[in-house]
Amino acid sequence: MPGYASYKTLYKEEYDALRDEGYDVEKYVQPSPDAEGFLPFPNECDSYNEGENREFWKKAYYNLIKVRETPIIHGYPYVEPNDFDEIIKEASPMPSLEPLSDEEYQNRLKGAFLGRCAAVILGKPLEMGMNKEEIREYLESVGEYPLNDFVSAYSEKLDKRLREDCIYSTKGNVKFAQPDDDINYTLLALNLAETHPNGFKRADVGWNWLDNISYHWCWCASRQAYYNMVSLDDTRDTDEQINEIPYKLNPWRECIDGQIRTDFWGYIHPSDLLSAARDAYVDCSFSLTKNGIYGGMFVAGAIAGAMSKNPSVDLIIKSGLSVIPKKSRLYEAVTLVCAWWDEYKDWEKVADKVYEKYGHLPFAATINNMAMVTLGIVAGELDYTKSITIATMCGIDTDCNAGTVGSIVGAALGIDNVPARWYEPLNDTIKSTVAAFGECKISDIVSRISTMKNKGYHS
């Protein structure tokens, strides 16, 4: 199996990815399995029982990716470059930001990282592919709707348990931040910066992963990138192969992986949007393309903007948007959510609009999840509890979205305005699966992040 999935699954996911990127994939569908270069529609794949063998789907997949050599369809409304300078050129103007004092920075950083850890734990047990209605049904069954605390692990009324591997993230059981890929990514970024004090390259991101986490702690594009790293061909140039990784066996190249791994770059570049975005770009472009990259850049920019004097919701959103292309699908999604919020002032109605427009996207895609992140920020109105609980109740990737919202809002508020009831149960402890850290103190991580900022780190 080539990485995360079979060739048949890769084929179906790649078909959708190419279509969303603006390629005319339907033009290349052939009428018969006997035709040269046969490409069935994804919803017809299961009917071709004679093609269940691996070689059939492998051939179909490699025929399909040739579509990337064709032009984008005429009239495609988006401009989505992969080059950093082109991305910034296509972005909106950056807002003017006033830097924080050292004391203010320390307070904001604690709010950001503790806010991230607590919110990840809040959303973690509900990461079960549930939508907004299913989450509401569960919460109502345990008398916890609207959400205002960590969630109970079991509903007697529904005879339903939340994820049994997340018991330590449920109400009454939180004693530490249990292992989670969202928190792992922040630690990995810290390790990357510490071990590459003069800056890092795309390849360094991959080697950092191989040195510090196991394959099974990666998902989507990250898992494919990991697979490709351990499959490098010694007879070919290494850098050339690494540059191929974002597109190689990777239909998840625009997935959520970017937006959950770039908080650190915002933390160490407070009020410096360009530097935060540049480091996030190098990190994300190792395994992602287009909106996958933009998701990471948006989060880094939003956090850098939040870590400035007198941040507002509007300033935070503008900061994130100022480092992604204004004609991208992600920019459109963020601005649509803001417009819907202005119109309805009701987070549930806006969430319904998100499901209506983006419900076809995969569970772990960037655009649908960033829409819910945006909703948590704008509807939360810089109230930490309100922000993270809305992000969780919206559904989709609940721990990722709540964690990102908690990080951004915590960066704007500072630790003094993050209710202690959310982070005190963590007992200053993270149990990570990152080899360079293992079990570690949250306070120590905050101190090490601050050190990197004070060194003026740049990739």
Protein backbone atom coordinates (compact mmCIF):
# COMPACT_ATOMS: atom_id res chain seq x y z
CA MET A 1 0.00 0.00 0.00
CA PRO A 2 1.54 3.38 -1.01
CA GLY A 3 1.54 5.19 2.29
CA TYR A 4 -1.74 6.12 3.87
CA ALA A 5 -4.09 4.37 1.45
CA SER A 6 -4.54 1.96 -1.45
CA TYR A 7 -4.12 3.14 -5.03
CA LYS A 8 -7.89 2.94 -5.42
CA THR A 9 -8.40 5.39 -2.55
CA LEU A 10 -5.59 7.59 -3.80
CA TYR A 11 -7.30 7.65 -7.19
CA LYS A 12 -10.65 8.75 -5.82
CA GLU A 13 -9.15 11.42 -3.54
CA GLU A 14 -6.83 12.68 -6.30
CA TYR A 15 -9.77 13.04 -8.67
CA ASP A 16 -11.51 15.39 -6.23
CA ALA A 17 -8.31 17.29 -5.47
CA LEU A 18 -7.61 17.96 -9.15
CA ARG A 19 -11.18 19.07 -9.74
CA ASP A 20 -11.02 21.54 -6.84
CA GLU A 21 -7.71 22.90 -8.13
CA GLY A 22 -9.38 23.78 -11.42
CA TYR A 23 -8.36 20.92 -13.71
CA ASP A 24 -10.87 19.57 -16.21
CA VAL A 25 -10.72 15.99 -14.95
CA GLU A 26 -14.07 14.99 -16.46
CA LYS A 27 -12.64 15.65 -19.91
CA TYR A 28 -10.28 12.73 -19.43
CA VAL A 29 -12.83 10.13 -18.32
CA GLN A 30 -12.91 7.28 -20.84
CA PRO A 31 -16.05 5.29 -21.76
CA SER A 32 -14.69 1.78 -21.26
CA PRO A 33 -12.30 -0.01 -18.90
CA ASP A 34 -10.58 -1.34 -22.02
CA ALA A 35 -9.74 2.16 -23.28
CA GLU A 36 -6.18 3.43 -23.11
CA GLY A 37 -5.75 5.69 -20.09
CA PHE A 38 -9.14 4.68 -18.65
CA LEU A 39 -10.27 6.98 -15.83
CA PRO A 40 -13.60 6.13 -14.16
CA PHE A 41 -15.64 8.68 -12.23
CA PRO A 42 -14.96 8.30 -8.48
CA ASN A 43 -18.57 7.26 -7.75
CA GLU A 44 -18.27 4.50 -10.33
CA CYS A 45 -15.08 2.98 -8.94
CA ASP A 46 -16.77 0.28 -6.90
CA SER A 47 -18.65 -1.04 -9.91
CA TYR A 48 -15.43 -2.07 -11.64
CA ASN A 49 -14.90 -5.29 -9.71
CA GLU A 50 -12.47 -6.57 -12.29
CA GLY A 51 -10.26 -3.67 -11.41
CA GLU A 52 -9.87 -4.38 -7.72
CA ASN A 53 -6.34 -5.62 -8.24
CA ARG A 54 -3.53 -3.31 -7.27
CA GLU A 55 -1.98 -2.95 -10.71
CA PHE A 56 -5.25 -1.75 -12.27
CA TRP A 57 -5.63 1.06 -9.74
CA LYS A 58 -1.95 1.90 -9.79
CA LYS A 59 -2.17 2.40 -13.57
CA ALA A 60 -5.38 4.41 -13.21
CA TYR A 61 -3.78 6.64 -10.57
CA TYR A 62 -0.70 7.38 -12.65
CA ASN A 63 -2.88 8.08 -15.69
CA LEU A 64 -4.94 10.47 -13.59
CA ILE A 65 -2.06 12.56 -12.29
CA LYS A 66 -1.08 13.35 -15.88
CA VAL A 67 -4.02 15.77 -15.78
CA ARG A 68 -1.75 18.09 -13.75
CA GLU A 69 0.21 18.64 -16.98
CA THR A 70 -2.88 20.19 -18.61
CA PRO A 71 -4.05 23.82 -18.29
CA ILE A 72 -6.46 25.01 -15.62
CA ILE A 73 -10.00 25.32 -17.02
CA HIS A 74 -10.91 28.62 -18.65
CA GLY A 75 -12.65 30.97 -16.24
CA TYR A 76 -11.32 29.36 -13.05
CA PRO A 77 -11.69 32.28 -10.61
CA TYR A 78 -8.79 31.58 -8.25
CA VAL A 79 -5.11 32.55 -8.35
CA GLU A 80 -3.19 30.18 -6.08
CA PRO A 81 0.60 30.20 -6.40
CA ASN A 82 2.98 27.93 -4.47
CA ASP A 83 5.94 30.33 -4.48
CA PHE A 84 6.33 32.47 -1.35
CA ASP A 85 7.02 35.76 -3.11
CA GLU A 86 4.09 35.20 -5.45
CA ILE A 87 1.83 34.40 -2.49
CA ILE A 88 2.73 37.66 -0.74
CA LYS A 89 2.39 39.58 -4.01
CA GLU A 90 -1.17 38.27 -4.37
CA ALA A 91 -2.09 39.06 -0.74
CA SER A 92 -3.85 42.05 0.80
CA PRO A 93 -1.83 44.86 2.41
CA MET A 94 -0.53 44.07 5.88
CA PRO A 95 -2.05 46.06 8.75
CA SER A 96 0.12 48.31 10.85
CA LEU A 97 0.94 46.67 14.19
CA GLU A 98 2.45 48.03 17.40
CA PRO A 99 4.90 45.68 19.14
CA LEU A 100 4.45 44.42 22.68
CA SER A 101 6.74 45.11 25.62
CA ASP A 102 8.71 42.13 26.94
CA GLU A 103 6.35 41.79 29.90
CA GLU A 104 3.29 41.92 27.66
CA TYR A 105 4.81 39.34 25.35
CA GLN A 106 5.39 36.86 28.17
CA ASN A 107 1.79 37.23 29.29
CA ARG A 108 0.44 36.78 25.77
CA LEU A 109 2.67 33.79 25.04
CA LYS A 110 1.44 31.98 28.14
CA GLY A 111 -2.13 32.73 27.12
CA ALA A 112 -1.48 31.44 23.62
CA PHE A 113 0.22 28.15 24.45
CA LEU A 114 -1.84 27.27 27.50
CA GLY A 115 -4.91 28.35 25.57
CA ARG A 116 -3.92 26.02 22.76
CA CYS A 117 -3.26 23.03 24.99
CA ALA A 118 -6.52 23.38 26.94
CA ALA A 119 -8.62 23.83 23.80
CA VAL A 120 -7.06 20.80 22.09
CA ILE A 121 -8.02 18.71 25.13
CA LEU A 122 -11.57 20.11 25.02
CA GLY A 123 -12.11 19.13 21.40
CA LYS A 124 -10.16 15.86 21.41
CA PRO A 125 -12.85 13.41 22.65
CA LEU A 126 -15.36 14.74 20.09
CA GLU A 127 -13.05 14.19 17.12
CA MET A 128 -15.20 11.37 15.83
CA GLY A 129 -16.37 12.70 12.48
CA MET A 130 -19.45 14.23 14.07
CA ASN A 131 -21.21 17.23 12.59
CA LYS A 132 -22.82 20.08 14.49
CA GLU A 133 -26.15 18.33 14.99
CA GLU A 134 -24.57 15.10 16.22
CA ILE A 135 -22.43 17.00 18.73
CA ARG A 136 -25.45 18.91 19.96
CA GLU A 137 -27.42 15.69 20.37
CA TYR A 138 -24.63 14.18 22.45
CA LEU A 139 -24.13 17.29 24.61
CA GLU A 140 -27.86 17.64 25.24
CA SER A 141 -28.02 13.99 26.27
CA VAL A 142 -25.49 14.63 29.06
CA GLY A 143 -26.91 18.04 30.02
CA GLU A 144 -23.89 19.96 28.71
CA TYR A 145 -25.35 22.03 25.87
CA PRO A 146 -24.24 24.67 25.20
CA LEU A 147 -20.74 23.49 25.98
CA ASN A 148 -19.05 25.32 28.85
CA ASP A 149 -16.56 22.79 30.22
CA PHE A 150 -14.71 19.63 29.27
CA VAL A 151 -17.19 17.08 27.95
CA SER A 152 -18.43 13.95 29.72
CA ALA A 153 -17.10 10.67 28.33
CA TYR A 154 -20.35 8.71 28.34
CA SER A 155 -24.01 9.38 27.57
CA GLU A 156 -26.28 7.00 29.44
CA LYS A 157 -29.26 8.35 27.53
CA LEU A 158 -27.72 7.49 24.15
CA ASP A 159 -25.61 4.62 25.46
CA LYS A 160 -22.73 6.22 23.60
CA ARG A 161 -19.11 6.68 24.57
CA LEU A 162 -16.73 9.23 23.19
CA ARG A 163 -13.28 8.11 22.07
CA GLU A 164 -11.99 5.65 24.62
CA ASP A 165 -8.40 6.67 23.87
CA CYS A 166 -9.34 10.17 25.07
CA ILE A 167 -10.58 9.42 28.59
CA TYR A 168 -7.90 11.75 29.99
CA SER A 169 -9.40 14.58 27.95
CA THR A 170 -12.93 14.21 29.35
CA LYS A 171 -14.71 15.93 32.20
CA GLY A 172 -13.38 14.95 35.61
CA ASN A 173 -10.45 13.05 34.12
CA VAL A 174 -8.15 15.82 32.84
CA LYS A 175 -4.83 15.65 34.68
CA PHE A 176 -2.41 16.53 31.88
CA ALA A 177 -2.36 17.26 28.15
CA GLN A 178 -2.45 13.76 26.70
CA PRO A 179 -0.56 12.87 23.49
CA ASP A 180 -2.00 14.72 20.50
CA ASP A 181 -0.66 15.54 17.05
CA ASP A 182 -1.67 19.21 17.33
CA ILE A 183 0.53 19.73 20.40
CA ASN A 184 3.23 17.48 18.93
CA TYR A 185 3.54 19.85 15.97
CA THR A 186 4.23 22.85 18.21
CA LEU A 187 6.95 20.89 19.99
CA LEU A 188 8.39 19.71 16.67
CA ALA A 189 8.60 23.29 15.43
CA LEU A 190 10.36 24.34 18.64
CA ASN A 191 12.85 21.50 18.21
CA LEU A 192 13.37 22.44 14.57
CA ALA A 193 14.22 26.01 15.51
CA GLU A 194 16.48 24.99 18.40
CA THR A 195 18.44 22.47 16.31
CA HIS A 196 18.73 24.80 13.30
CA PRO A 197 19.64 28.15 14.90
CA ASN A 198 20.65 29.64 11.55
CA GLY A 199 17.38 28.77 9.84
CA PHE A 200 15.86 25.63 8.32
CA LYS A 201 14.97 24.29 4.90
CA ARG A 202 12.14 22.07 3.72
CA ALA A 203 14.27 18.95 4.02
CA ASP A 204 14.98 19.76 7.67
CA VAL A 205 11.26 19.57 8.42
CA GLY A 206 11.18 15.97 7.18
CA TRP A 207 14.34 14.86 8.96
CA ASN A 208 13.02 16.44 12.17
CA TRP A 209 9.90 14.29 11.93
CA LEU A 210 11.81 11.09 11.22
CA ASP A 211 14.07 11.75 14.20
CA ASN A 212 11.25 12.52 16.63
CA ILE A 213 7.88 10.93 15.85
CA SER A 214 6.62 7.63 14.58
CA TYR A 215 4.85 7.17 11.26
CA HIS A 216 1.55 6.40 12.99
CA TRP A 217 1.50 9.81 14.69
CA CYS A 218 1.15 11.43 11.27
CA TRP A 219 -2.03 11.72 9.25
CA CYS A 220 -3.06 12.82 5.76
CA ALA A 221 -0.34 14.75 3.92
CA SER A 222 2.09 14.39 6.80
CA ARG A 223 1.88 10.61 6.68
CA GLN A 224 2.45 10.61 2.92
CA ALA A 225 5.43 12.92 3.36
CA TYR A 226 6.84 10.64 6.05
CA TYR A 227 6.34 7.61 3.77
CA ASN A 228 8.13 9.40 0.93
CA MET A 229 11.01 10.41 3.21
CA VAL A 230 11.70 6.84 4.29
CA SER A 231 11.37 5.72 0.66
CA LEU A 232 14.02 8.07 -0.74
CA ASP A 233 16.03 6.54 -3.58
CA ASP A 234 19.77 6.62 -2.94
CA THR A 235 20.44 6.73 -6.67
CA ARG A 236 18.63 10.07 -7.12
CA ASP A 237 19.37 13.56 -5.84
CA THR A 238 17.83 13.90 -2.36
CA ASP A 239 16.74 17.54 -2.68
CA GLU A 240 15.08 16.80 -6.00
CA GLN A 241 13.06 14.00 -4.41
CA ILE A 242 12.12 16.12 -1.41
CA ASN A 243 10.84 18.85 -3.72
CA GLU A 244 8.50 16.24 -5.26
CA ILE A 245 6.95 15.28 -1.92
CA PRO A 246 3.95 17.68 -1.84
CA TYR A 247 2.48 16.11 -4.98
CA LYS A 248 3.80 12.56 -4.69
CA LEU A 249 1.08 10.05 -3.77
CA ASN A 250 -0.55 12.94 -1.94
CA PRO A 251 -4.13 13.93 -2.80
CA TRP A 252 -4.30 15.43 0.72
CA ARG A 253 -1.88 18.22 -0.23
CA GLU A 254 -4.42 20.89 0.76
CA CYS A 255 -5.38 19.31 4.07
CA ILE A 256 -5.49 20.71 7.61
CA ASP A 257 -1.92 19.65 8.45
CA GLY A 258 -0.55 23.13 7.77
CA GLN A 259 -2.88 25.12 9.96
CA ILE A 260 -2.26 22.88 12.99
CA ARG A 261 1.52 23.06 12.90
CA THR A 262 2.45 26.74 12.51
CA ASP A 263 1.41 28.36 15.81
CA PHE A 264 5.04 28.37 16.92
CA TRP A 265 6.10 30.63 14.05
CA GLY A 266 3.51 33.20 15.12
CA TYR A 267 4.65 32.90 18.74
CA ILE A 268 8.27 33.79 17.98
CA HIS A 269 7.44 36.60 15.54
CA PRO A 270 4.95 38.76 17.47
CA SER A 271 3.63 41.64 15.30
CA ASP A 272 6.00 40.57 12.48
CA LEU A 273 3.57 39.14 9.94
CA LEU A 274 6.04 38.62 7.13
CA SER A 275 8.54 36.67 9.23
CA ALA A 276 5.83 34.51 10.77
CA ALA A 277 4.41 33.77 7.33
CA ARG A 278 7.82 33.00 5.82
CA ASP A 279 8.73 30.43 8.47
CA ALA A 280 5.26 28.90 8.22
CA TYR A 281 5.66 28.71 4.46
CA VAL A 282 8.94 26.79 4.62
CA ASP A 283 7.44 24.41 7.18
CA CYS A 284 4.22 23.75 5.27
CA SER A 285 5.62 23.64 1.75
CA PHE A 286 7.57 20.50 2.67
CA SER A 287 4.36 18.45 2.41
CA LEU A 288 1.56 20.74 1.19
CA THR A 289 0.51 22.97 -1.69
CA LYS A 290 -1.72 25.99 -2.27
CA ASN A 291 -4.47 26.21 0.37
CA GLY A 292 -2.70 23.66 2.55
CA ILE A 293 0.22 26.10 2.75
CA TYR A 294 -2.08 29.11 3.06
CA GLY A 295 -3.78 27.57 6.09
CA GLY A 296 -0.48 27.48 7.96
CA MET A 297 0.46 30.97 6.84
CA PHE A 298 -2.93 32.35 7.88
CA VAL A 299 -2.63 30.90 11.39
CA ALA A 300 0.95 32.15 11.84
CA GLY A 301 -0.10 35.60 10.61
CA ALA A 302 -3.21 35.70 12.79
CA ILE A 303 -1.18 34.81 15.89
CA ALA A 304 1.54 37.34 15.07
CA GLY A 305 -1.22 39.94 14.66
CA ALA A 306 -2.90 38.87 17.90
CA MET A 307 0.44 39.34 19.68
CA SER A 308 0.48 43.10 19.14
CA LYS A 309 -0.91 46.08 21.04
CA ASN A 310 -4.70 46.28 21.32
CA PRO A 311 -5.67 43.41 19.03
CA SER A 312 -9.25 43.19 17.83
CA VAL A 313 -11.10 40.45 16.00
CA ASP A 314 -10.92 42.52 12.84
CA LEU A 315 -7.17 43.06 13.20
CA ILE A 316 -6.54 39.36 13.78
CA ILE A 317 -8.51 38.35 10.69
CA LYS A 318 -6.84 41.03 8.57
CA SER A 319 -3.41 39.87 9.78
CA GLY A 320 -4.11 36.31 8.68
CA LEU A 321 -5.56 37.38 5.34
CA SER A 322 -2.62 39.69 4.63
CA VAL A 323 -0.28 36.74 4.08
CA ILE A 324 -2.43 34.60 1.75
CA PRO A 325 -3.59 35.25 -1.83
CA LYS A 326 -6.76 37.33 -1.96
CA LYS A 327 -8.00 35.28 -4.92
CA SER A 328 -7.56 31.94 -3.16
CA ARG A 329 -10.31 29.60 -2.05
CA LEU A 330 -9.16 30.00 1.56
CA TYR A 331 -9.35 33.79 1.45
CA GLU A 332 -12.86 33.46 0.02
CA ALA A 333 -13.93 31.08 2.80
CA VAL A 334 -12.65 33.32 5.59
CA THR A 335 -14.27 36.44 4.16
CA LEU A 336 -17.54 34.59 3.53
CA VAL A 337 -17.72 33.51 7.18
CA CYS A 338 -17.06 37.09 8.30
CA ALA A 339 -19.82 38.36 6.00
CA TRP A 340 -22.26 35.69 7.19
CA TRP A 341 -21.49 36.59 10.80
CA ASP A 342 -22.16 40.26 10.10
CA GLU A 343 -25.48 39.28 8.53
CA TYR A 344 -26.79 36.72 11.03
CA LYS A 345 -24.94 37.27 14.33
CA ASP A 346 -25.82 33.65 15.07
CA TRP A 347 -23.00 31.10 15.07
CA GLU A 348 -25.31 28.16 14.38
CA LYS A 349 -26.76 29.78 11.26
CA VAL A 350 -23.27 30.60 10.03
CA ALA A 351 -22.09 27.04 10.72
CA ASP A 352 -25.02 25.78 8.66
CA LYS A 353 -23.89 28.01 5.79
CA VAL A 354 -20.39 26.53 6.06
CA TYR A 355 -21.78 22.99 5.86
CA GLU A 356 -23.96 23.99 2.92
CA LYS A 357 -21.06 25.40 0.91
CA TYR A 358 -18.18 23.20 2.02
CA GLY A 359 -19.87 19.99 3.15
CA HIS A 360 -18.45 18.13 0.16
CA LEU A 361 -14.87 18.57 1.36
CA PRO A 362 -13.03 15.83 3.27
CA PHE A 363 -13.10 15.79 7.07
CA ALA A 364 -9.50 16.98 7.32
CA ALA A 365 -9.47 19.57 4.53
CA THR A 366 -8.17 23.08 5.17
CA ILE A 367 -10.98 25.24 3.83
CA ASN A 368 -13.97 23.80 5.71
CA ASN A 369 -12.05 23.64 8.99
CA MET A 370 -10.58 27.12 8.65
CA ALA A 371 -14.11 28.38 8.07
CA MET A 372 -15.04 26.98 11.49
CA VAL A 373 -11.87 28.45 13.03
CA THR A 374 -12.85 31.84 11.63
CA LEU A 375 -16.36 31.42 13.04
CA GLY A 376 -14.97 30.61 16.48
CA ILE A 377 -12.88 33.79 16.39
CA VAL A 378 -15.54 36.19 15.12
CA ALA A 379 -18.47 34.76 17.09
CA GLY A 380 -16.35 34.31 20.22
CA GLU A 381 -15.62 38.05 20.28
CA LEU A 382 -12.32 37.52 22.14
CA ASP A 383 -13.99 35.67 25.00
CA TYR A 384 -11.81 32.59 25.45
CA THR A 385 -14.49 30.19 26.69
CA LYS A 386 -17.03 31.33 24.13
CA SER A 387 -14.51 31.07 21.30
CA ILE A 388 -13.22 27.55 21.97
CA THR A 389 -16.62 26.08 22.78
CA ILE A 390 -18.18 27.46 19.60
CA ALA A 391 -15.27 26.07 17.56
CA THR A 392 -15.86 22.68 19.18
CA MET A 393 -19.64 22.66 18.82
CA CYS A 394 -19.30 23.43 15.09
CA GLY A 395 -17.99 19.94 14.50
CA ILE A 396 -15.61 18.57 11.83
CA ASP A 397 -12.01 18.40 13.18
CA THR A 398 -12.89 19.52 16.70
CA ASP A 399 -9.55 19.29 18.50
CA CYS A 400 -7.65 20.95 15.66
CA ASN A 401 -10.11 23.80 15.29
CA ALA A 402 -10.58 24.42 19.00
CA GLY A 403 -6.80 24.32 19.50
CA THR A 404 -6.17 26.85 16.76
CA VAL A 405 -8.87 29.18 18.07
CA GLY A 406 -7.59 28.81 21.62
CA SER A 407 -4.09 29.67 20.49
CA ILE A 408 -5.12 32.76 18.53
CA VAL A 409 -7.56 34.09 21.12
CA GLY A 410 -5.20 33.24 23.97
CA ALA A 411 -2.46 35.21 22.19
CA ALA A 412 -4.75 38.23 22.02
CA LEU A 413 -5.96 37.98 25.62
CA GLY A 414 -2.89 36.89 27.56
CA ILE A 415 -2.92 34.41 30.41
CA ASP A 416 -4.64 36.84 32.79
CA ASN A 417 -7.79 36.65 30.66
CA VAL A 418 -7.84 32.90 30.04
CA PRO A 419 -9.96 31.32 32.81
CA ALA A 420 -7.74 29.18 35.00
CA ARG A 421 -10.36 26.42 35.13
CA TRP A 422 -9.33 25.48 31.59
CA TYR A 423 -5.58 25.11 32.10
CA GLU A 424 -5.10 24.31 35.79
CA PRO A 425 -6.32 20.70 35.36
CA LEU A 426 -3.39 20.14 32.97
CA ASN A 427 -1.03 20.39 35.96
CA ASP A 428 1.63 22.09 33.82
CA THR A 429 2.20 18.77 32.04
CA ILE A 430 2.25 17.56 28.44
CA LYS A 431 2.64 13.88 27.66
CA SER A 432 3.86 14.04 24.10
CA THR A 433 5.05 11.39 21.66
CA VAL A 434 7.89 13.61 20.43
CA ALA A 435 11.20 11.92 21.23
CA ALA A 436 13.02 15.17 22.00
CA PHE A 437 10.42 16.04 24.66
CA GLY A 438 8.42 13.06 25.93
CA GLU A 439 6.67 14.16 29.12
CA CYS A 440 7.46 17.82 29.67
CA LYS A 441 6.39 20.91 31.58
CA ILE A 442 4.22 23.46 29.81
CA SER A 443 6.06 26.24 31.65
CA ASP A 444 9.39 24.96 30.32
CA ILE A 445 8.07 24.95 26.75
CA VAL A 446 6.85 28.52 27.14
CA SER A 447 10.29 29.53 28.40
CA ARG A 448 12.04 27.84 25.46
CA ILE A 449 9.69 29.45 22.94
CA SER A 450 10.41 32.83 24.49
CA THR A 451 14.15 32.18 24.20
CA MET A 452 13.82 31.57 20.46
CA LYS A 453 11.89 34.81 20.06
CA ASN A 454 14.54 36.73 22.01
CA LYS A 455 17.23 35.31 19.73
CA GLY A 456 15.46 36.89 16.78
CA TYR A 457 15.05 33.57 15.00
CA HIS A 458 14.48 33.55 11.23
CA SER A 459 14.52 30.70 8.73
